Protein backbone atom coordinates (compact mmCIF):
# COMPACT_ATOMS: atom_id res chain seq x y z
CA MET A 1 2.88 -13.93 20.00
CA LEU A 2 2.42 -10.19 20.51
CA ALA A 3 0.81 -8.25 17.65
CA THR A 4 0.67 -4.49 17.24
CA VAL A 5 -1.70 -2.69 14.89
CA VAL A 6 -0.13 0.52 13.53
CA VAL A 7 -2.45 3.25 12.23
CA VAL A 8 -1.10 6.48 10.69
CA ASP A 9 -3.17 9.67 10.80
CA TRP A 10 -2.73 12.96 9.01
CA ARG A 11 -5.51 15.52 9.47
CA GLN A 12 -8.31 12.95 9.32
CA PRO A 13 -9.50 12.68 12.93
CA GLU A 14 -13.03 11.47 12.16
CA LEU A 15 -11.86 8.69 9.86
CA THR A 16 -9.13 7.74 12.31
CA ARG A 17 -11.57 7.56 15.23
CA ARG A 18 -13.85 5.33 13.18
CA CYS A 19 -10.89 3.05 12.44
CA LEU A 20 -9.79 2.89 16.08
CA ARG A 21 -13.32 2.10 17.25
CA SER A 22 -13.45 -0.86 14.86
CA LEU A 23 -10.29 -2.21 16.49
CA SER A 24 -11.30 -1.66 20.11
CA ALA A 25 -13.11 -4.99 20.48
CA GLN A 26 -10.14 -6.83 18.94
CA VAL A 27 -7.51 -5.56 21.41
CA ARG A 28 -6.47 -8.19 23.94
CA ALA A 29 -4.14 -7.32 26.80
CA GLY A 30 -0.76 -8.93 26.35
CA GLU A 31 -1.65 -10.14 22.84
CA VAL A 32 -2.85 -7.29 20.63
CA GLU A 33 -2.17 -3.58 21.04
CA VAL A 34 -2.77 -0.50 18.88
CA VAL A 35 -0.31 2.28 18.07
CA LEU A 36 -1.54 5.51 16.48
CA VAL A 37 1.03 7.72 14.76
CA VAL A 38 -0.20 11.30 14.31
CA ASN A 39 1.63 13.24 11.61
CA GLU A 40 1.82 17.02 12.22
CA ALA A 41 0.36 16.42 15.65
CA THR A 42 -0.87 19.19 17.92
CA ALA A 43 -1.09 18.89 21.68
CA GLY A 44 -4.88 19.12 21.47
CA GLN A 45 -5.12 16.27 18.97
CA VAL A 46 -2.89 14.01 21.02
CA GLU A 47 -4.79 14.71 24.23
CA ALA A 48 -8.13 14.07 22.51
CA TYR A 49 -6.99 10.70 21.14
CA ARG A 50 -5.50 9.65 24.47
CA THR A 51 -8.68 10.61 26.33
CA GLU A 52 -11.05 8.80 23.95
CA PHE A 53 -8.79 5.76 23.42
CA PRO A 54 -6.83 5.21 26.64
CA SER A 55 -5.60 1.77 25.54
CA VAL A 56 -4.05 3.17 22.33
CA HIS A 57 -0.40 4.19 22.38
CA VAL A 58 -0.29 7.59 20.62
CA VAL A 59 2.96 8.61 18.91
CA PRO A 60 2.97 12.31 17.99
CA VAL A 61 5.17 13.50 15.10
CA GLU A 62 5.83 17.21 14.63
CA ARG A 63 5.89 17.17 10.82
CA ASN A 64 4.21 15.13 8.11
CA LEU A 65 6.41 12.10 7.40
CA GLY A 66 3.89 10.51 5.06
CA PHE A 67 2.80 6.91 5.34
CA ALA A 68 6.28 5.37 5.11
CA GLY A 69 7.75 7.66 7.75
CA GLY A 70 4.69 7.28 9.96
CA VAL A 71 4.95 3.50 9.86
CA ALA A 72 8.66 3.72 10.65
CA ARG A 73 7.92 5.81 13.75
CA GLY A 74 5.26 3.35 14.81
CA LEU A 75 7.70 0.46 14.45
CA GLU A 76 10.21 2.28 16.63
CA ALA A 77 7.61 2.39 19.41
CA VAL A 78 6.81 -1.34 19.47
CA ALA A 79 8.56 -4.66 19.98
CA ALA A 80 5.84 -6.93 18.59
CA ASP A 81 6.34 -10.26 16.83
CA VAL A 82 3.75 -9.28 14.22
CA VAL A 83 3.01 -5.78 12.94
CA VAL A 84 -0.42 -5.15 11.47
CA LEU A 85 -0.78 -2.11 9.23
CA LEU A 86 -4.24 -0.64 8.77
CA ASN A 87 -5.16 2.52 6.87
CA ASN A 88 -6.91 5.13 8.96
CA ASP A 89 -9.68 5.35 6.33
CA ALA A 90 -10.51 1.65 6.73
CA VAL A 91 -12.74 -0.20 9.18
CA ALA A 92 -11.74 -3.63 10.48
CA GLU A 93 -14.50 -6.22 10.31
CA PRO A 94 -15.04 -8.34 13.45
CA GLY A 95 -12.39 -11.04 13.68
CA PHE A 96 -9.99 -9.21 11.35
CA VAL A 97 -6.97 -9.41 13.65
CA ARG A 98 -7.59 -12.97 14.74
CA ALA A 99 -8.05 -14.21 11.15
CA GLY A 100 -4.88 -12.53 9.88
CA LEU A 101 -2.74 -13.80 12.73
CA ALA A 102 -4.12 -17.31 12.30
CA GLU A 103 -3.26 -17.33 8.59
CA LEU A 104 0.27 -16.04 9.21
CA ASP A 105 0.77 -18.68 11.89
CA ARG A 106 -0.66 -21.44 9.69
CA ARG A 107 1.75 -20.65 6.88
CA GLY A 108 4.82 -20.68 9.12
CA PRO A 109 8.04 -18.65 9.29
CA SER A 110 8.80 -18.84 5.55
CA THR A 111 5.89 -16.44 4.98
CA ALA A 112 6.81 -12.88 5.89
CA ALA A 113 3.43 -11.27 5.32
CA VAL A 114 -0.20 -11.96 4.52
CA ALA A 115 -2.35 -9.40 2.77
CA ALA A 116 -5.85 -8.80 4.06
CA THR A 117 -9.04 -8.75 1.99
CA VAL A 118 -10.00 -5.12 1.35
CA VAL A 119 -13.56 -4.31 0.31
CA LEU A 120 -14.64 -0.90 -0.97
CA GLU A 121 -17.09 0.99 1.19
CA GLY A 122 -20.52 1.41 -0.40
CA ARG A 123 -22.06 -0.05 -3.54
CA PHE A 124 -21.23 0.65 -7.16
CA GLU A 125 -22.72 0.30 -10.61
CA LEU A 126 -21.21 0.41 -14.08
CA ALA A 127 -21.02 4.03 -15.20
CA ARG A 128 -22.98 5.25 -18.19
CA GLY A 129 -22.44 8.42 -20.14
CA PRO A 130 -19.41 10.72 -19.92
CA GLY A 131 -16.81 9.86 -17.32
CA THR A 132 -16.40 11.87 -14.14
CA VAL A 133 -13.41 12.43 -11.84
CA ASP A 134 -15.14 10.31 -9.19
CA ASP A 135 -15.44 7.22 -11.41
CA LEU A 136 -13.29 4.24 -10.45
CA VAL A 137 -11.59 2.69 -13.48
CA GLY A 138 -10.82 -1.01 -13.56
CA LEU A 139 -7.77 -2.55 -15.18
CA ASP A 140 -10.15 -3.76 -17.89
CA GLY A 141 -11.15 -0.13 -18.61
CA ARG A 142 -14.65 -0.39 -17.17
CA ARG A 143 -15.79 2.58 -15.12
CA TRP A 144 -17.67 2.12 -11.85
CA ARG A 145 -19.68 4.84 -10.13
CA ARG A 146 -20.92 4.92 -6.55
CA SER A 147 -24.60 4.06 -6.39
CA ALA A 148 -26.81 6.90 -5.19
CA ASP A 149 -29.65 4.66 -3.99
CA GLY A 150 -27.66 1.98 -2.19
CA ALA A 151 -28.24 -0.61 -4.91
CA GLY A 152 -25.50 -2.05 -7.07
CA GLU A 153 -22.46 -4.24 -6.48
CA ARG A 154 -20.04 -4.53 -3.61
CA LEU A 155 -16.52 -4.42 -5.03
CA LEU A 156 -13.10 -5.55 -3.91
CA ASN A 157 -10.43 -2.95 -3.36
CA GLY A 158 -7.82 -5.71 -3.41
CA THR A 159 -6.40 -8.98 -2.12
CA GLY A 160 -2.75 -7.98 -2.16
CA VAL A 161 -0.68 -6.32 -4.86
CA GLN A 162 0.40 -7.43 -8.32
CA VAL A 163 3.44 -5.98 -10.11
CA ASP A 164 4.35 -6.09 -13.79
CA VAL A 165 7.63 -6.09 -15.70
CA ASN A 166 7.39 -2.30 -16.07
CA GLY A 167 7.44 -1.84 -12.30
CA ASN A 168 3.76 -0.92 -12.10
CA GLY A 169 2.01 -1.98 -8.92
CA ALA A 170 -1.76 -2.40 -8.70
CA ASP A 171 -4.27 -3.88 -6.28
CA ARG A 172 -4.94 -7.49 -7.16
CA GLU A 173 -8.64 -8.05 -8.00
CA TRP A 174 -9.24 -4.28 -8.06
CA LEU A 175 -12.98 -3.66 -8.67
CA THR A 176 -13.86 -7.34 -8.81
CA PRO A 177 -17.52 -7.79 -7.75
CA LEU A 178 -17.79 -9.72 -4.52
CA ASP A 179 -20.52 -11.90 -6.01
CA GLY A 180 -18.07 -13.17 -8.62
CA HIS A 181 -15.11 -13.50 -6.31
CA GLY A 182 -13.68 -16.99 -6.15
CA GLY A 183 -12.45 -16.74 -2.57
CA ALA A 184 -9.49 -18.68 -1.29
CA ASP A 185 -9.92 -21.85 -3.34
CA GLY A 186 -7.17 -22.10 -5.93
CA SER A 187 -6.12 -18.46 -5.57
CA PRO A 188 -2.35 -18.05 -6.00
CA ASP A 189 -0.35 -15.88 -3.66
CA PRO A 190 -0.10 -12.20 -4.58
CA PHE A 191 3.29 -10.75 -5.48
CA GLY A 192 3.04 -8.35 -2.55
CA PHE A 193 0.82 -6.67 -0.01
CA SER A 194 -0.95 -3.36 0.25
CA GLY A 195 0.24 -1.25 3.17
CA GLY A 196 -3.40 -0.43 3.86
CA ALA A 197 -4.12 -3.82 5.45
CA VAL A 198 -1.39 -6.39 6.07
CA PHE A 199 0.10 -8.69 8.73
CA LEU A 200 3.92 -8.57 8.77
CA ARG A 201 6.34 -10.82 10.60
CA ARG A 202 8.61 -8.32 12.39
CA SER A 203 11.80 -10.40 12.14
CA ALA A 204 11.45 -10.71 8.36
CA LEU A 205 10.63 -7.02 7.98
CA ASP A 206 13.74 -6.04 9.95
CA GLU A 207 15.87 -8.43 7.91
CA ALA A 208 14.64 -6.84 4.68
CA GLY A 209 15.44 -3.34 5.93
CA GLY A 210 12.04 -2.01 6.94
CA PHE A 211 10.18 0.83 5.26
CA ASP A 212 12.05 3.40 3.18
CA GLU A 213 11.05 6.78 4.61
CA SER A 214 12.31 8.61 1.51
CA LEU A 215 9.34 7.22 -0.45
CA PHE A 216 6.93 9.22 1.76
CA MET A 217 3.81 7.62 0.29
CA TYR A 218 2.90 5.24 -2.56
CA TYR A 219 4.96 2.23 -3.68
CA GLU A 220 6.44 1.81 -0.20
CA ASP A 221 4.52 -1.47 0.06
CA VAL A 222 5.74 -2.66 -3.37
CA ASP A 223 9.29 -1.83 -2.25
CA VAL A 224 9.07 -3.86 0.97
CA SER A 225 7.24 -6.73 -0.75
CA TRP A 226 9.93 -6.96 -3.43
CA ARG A 227 12.74 -6.88 -0.86
CA LEU A 228 11.05 -9.58 1.22
CA ARG A 229 10.83 -11.80 -1.85
CA LEU A 230 14.48 -11.08 -2.68
CA ALA A 231 15.31 -12.27 0.86
CA GLY A 232 13.59 -15.58 0.05
CA TYR A 233 10.29 -15.06 1.89
CA ASP A 234 6.78 -15.84 0.68
CA ILE A 235 3.86 -13.42 0.82
CA GLY A 236 0.35 -14.78 1.19
CA TRP A 237 -3.25 -13.73 1.53
CA ALA A 238 -5.65 -14.00 4.46
CA PRO A 239 -9.15 -14.30 2.88
CA ALA A 240 -11.01 -14.10 6.20
CA ALA A 241 -9.19 -10.98 7.45
CA VAL A 242 -11.52 -8.34 6.01
CA VAL A 243 -11.52 -4.55 6.14
CA VAL A 244 -13.82 -2.04 4.48
CA HIS A 245 -11.98 0.84 2.87
CA ARG A 246 -13.21 4.32 2.02
CA HIS A 247 -11.23 4.67 -1.20
CA ALA A 248 -9.22 7.92 -1.38
CA GLY A 249 -10.53 8.89 2.05
CA SER A 250 -7.16 10.38 2.97
CA SER A 251 -6.08 11.56 -0.48
CA SER A 252 -7.46 11.91 -3.99
CA SER A 253 -7.12 8.72 -6.01
CA SER A 254 -5.99 10.59 -9.13
CA GLY A 255 -4.65 13.92 -7.89
CA GLU A 256 -1.33 15.51 -8.74
CA LEU A 257 0.35 14.19 -5.59
CA VAL A 258 -0.68 10.60 -6.35
CA ARG A 259 0.51 10.78 -9.96
CA TYR A 260 3.81 12.45 -9.07
CA GLN A 261 4.66 10.18 -6.15
CA SER A 262 3.76 7.07 -8.12
CA MET A 263 5.97 8.10 -11.04
CA ARG A 264 8.86 9.09 -8.79
CA ASN A 265 8.70 6.13 -6.43
CA ARG A 266 8.31 3.52 -9.13
CA ILE A 267 11.70 4.60 -10.51
CA VAL A 268 13.35 4.66 -7.08
CA VAL A 269 11.98 1.24 -6.10
CA VAL A 270 12.98 -0.45 -9.34
CA VAL A 271 16.49 1.01 -9.21
CA ARG A 272 16.87 -0.46 -5.73
CA VAL A 273 15.44 -3.92 -6.34
CA GLY A 274 15.19 -4.62 -10.06
CA SER A 275 17.49 -6.31 -12.56
CA VAL A 276 19.38 -4.20 -15.09
CA ARG A 277 16.82 -5.22 -17.71
CA VAL A 278 13.83 -4.09 -15.64
CA VAL A 279 15.54 -0.84 -14.60
CA ALA A 280 16.34 -0.05 -18.26
CA ARG A 281 12.75 -0.78 -19.32
CA VAL A 282 11.27 1.46 -16.61
CA LEU A 283 13.63 4.35 -17.36
CA ALA A 284 12.91 4.07 -21.10
CA ARG A 285 9.15 4.04 -20.58
CA THR A 286 9.40 6.98 -18.20
CA ALA A 287 11.36 8.96 -20.80
CA LEU A 288 8.72 8.12 -23.42
CA ARG A 289 5.95 9.19 -21.05
CA CYS A 290 7.75 12.47 -20.43
CA ALA A 291 8.07 13.13 -24.17
CA ARG A 292 4.37 12.44 -24.69
CA ASP A 293 3.37 14.69 -21.81
CA LEU A 294 5.43 17.60 -23.09
CA LEU A 295 3.94 17.43 -26.60
CA PRO A 296 0.87 19.65 -27.24
CA GLY A 297 -2.53 18.04 -26.74
CA GLY A 298 -3.41 14.65 -25.34
CA THR A 299 -3.87 13.42 -21.79
CA ARG A 300 -0.97 14.23 -19.49
CA GLN A 301 0.24 12.10 -16.61
CA LEU A 302 2.35 14.94 -15.19
CA ALA A 303 2.44 18.65 -15.95
CA ALA A 304 5.62 20.26 -17.27
CA ARG A 305 6.44 21.75 -13.86
CA GLN A 306 6.12 18.29 -12.29
CA TRP A 307 8.50 16.80 -14.84
CA ALA A 308 10.95 19.59 -14.08
CA ARG A 309 10.71 18.79 -10.38
CA LEU A 310 11.12 15.07 -11.04
CA LEU A 311 14.21 15.58 -13.18
CA ALA A 312 15.71 17.79 -10.47
CA GLU A 313 15.02 15.22 -7.74
CA MET A 314 16.04 12.08 -9.60
CA PRO A 315 19.86 12.23 -9.35
CA ARG A 316 19.83 12.36 -5.56
CA ALA A 317 17.00 9.83 -5.26
CA ILE A 318 18.71 7.38 -7.60
CA ARG A 319 22.02 7.71 -5.76
CA GLY A 320 20.23 6.81 -2.54
CA ALA A 321 18.55 3.83 -4.19
CA VAL A 322 21.86 2.59 -5.57
CA ARG A 323 23.51 2.83 -2.13
CA ALA A 324 20.64 0.86 -0.59
CA ARG A 325 20.85 -1.70 -3.41
CA ARG A 326 24.53 -2.32 -2.64
CA LEU A 327 23.82 -2.70 1.07
CA ASP A 328 21.02 -5.18 0.34
CA GLY A 329 23.60 -7.41 -1.32
CA ARG A 330 21.16 -9.35 -3.53
CA THR A 331 22.48 -11.25 -6.55
CA ALA A 332 21.39 -11.29 -10.18
CA ARG A 333 20.04 -14.79 -9.54
CA ASP A 334 17.91 -13.47 -6.65
CA ARG A 335 16.49 -10.75 -8.91
CA GLY A 336 15.78 -13.18 -11.74
CA ARG A 337 13.97 -15.54 -9.37
CA VAL A 338 11.70 -12.80 -8.09
CA GLU A 339 11.09 -11.24 -11.50
CA GLY A 340 9.78 -14.55 -12.74
CA ARG A 341 6.66 -13.68 -10.72
CA LEU A 342 6.07 -10.35 -12.47
CA LEU A 343 3.14 -9.99 -14.82
CA ARG A 344 3.71 -8.95 -18.41
CA THR A 345 1.55 -5.92 -17.77
CA VAL A 346 -1.18 -4.68 -15.46
CA ALA A 347 -2.27 -2.12 -18.08
CA LEU A 348 -2.35 0.92 -15.86
CA PRO A 349 -3.97 4.00 -17.44
CA HIS A 350 -0.71 6.00 -17.53
CA GLU A 351 1.06 3.19 -19.37
């Protein structure tokens, strides 16, 4: 079984080199290879990567295609049985590839993907005093701040993705202290995987239609996970396949781009995969959020200019999602079966 690790870079050479070095000991000729997709690549960047990492297959892309487009280009360059996605701002722990492949093999062909265990880089402590933009906020509302002296807790970034009936996706076990983590015993499967660290069966991914390049970044993993479940596949978790992630190493965790893309892509994904009831709920909640944002005062999810852009983009984006939905050919029964796994809410801050 040939496995290919796909890493996507955009203007983060030091982080990407760190990631590739963590994989170097896990590459095995004829079994595991690494593909690096470089968005907005220059000749100098490509040459530098190829010189330092001669065993890595470098795929240069002239413009920035985002994560979804970068992954799609990486998939075009490989013919592996299993595709492993790893964020360029993550470091693979020893044995990461072997553990993930073993779990996917153990579960058999009905499982299309297994999510890795992602641990946040550094240590954190509960924040005191006024909040800062660098605080990490849990789904329970608690704020965590990076420890300055190296003390504090090690926290999970996630063990897959959970999705609620409003179409919100969030990392499962986000900010759970490792000391209190229950591990594999009794843990149910996640709804989906995070694109930052996952093992995907290529045949199932192709059957589900691959990654939607129009999403650019954010929610592309929720989209593929949902479509895999609609196709009848399971998605699991590989507890022993561990990576350490520098959170927001490649983008701000709460910047304008993140908020806009998340709002836009949640709508597009739900229109493609959701039941009429879920689509109606998401559109209604989005309209309510827009009305709140445009009223004076209060905390805004998007600025007025971003809402104007979103409203201008939506007709074309929704038409594309509807066309893809028809081609997918899934039934109302399929959608109901999958939506039985959705949580009532994951209580995201913007909701």
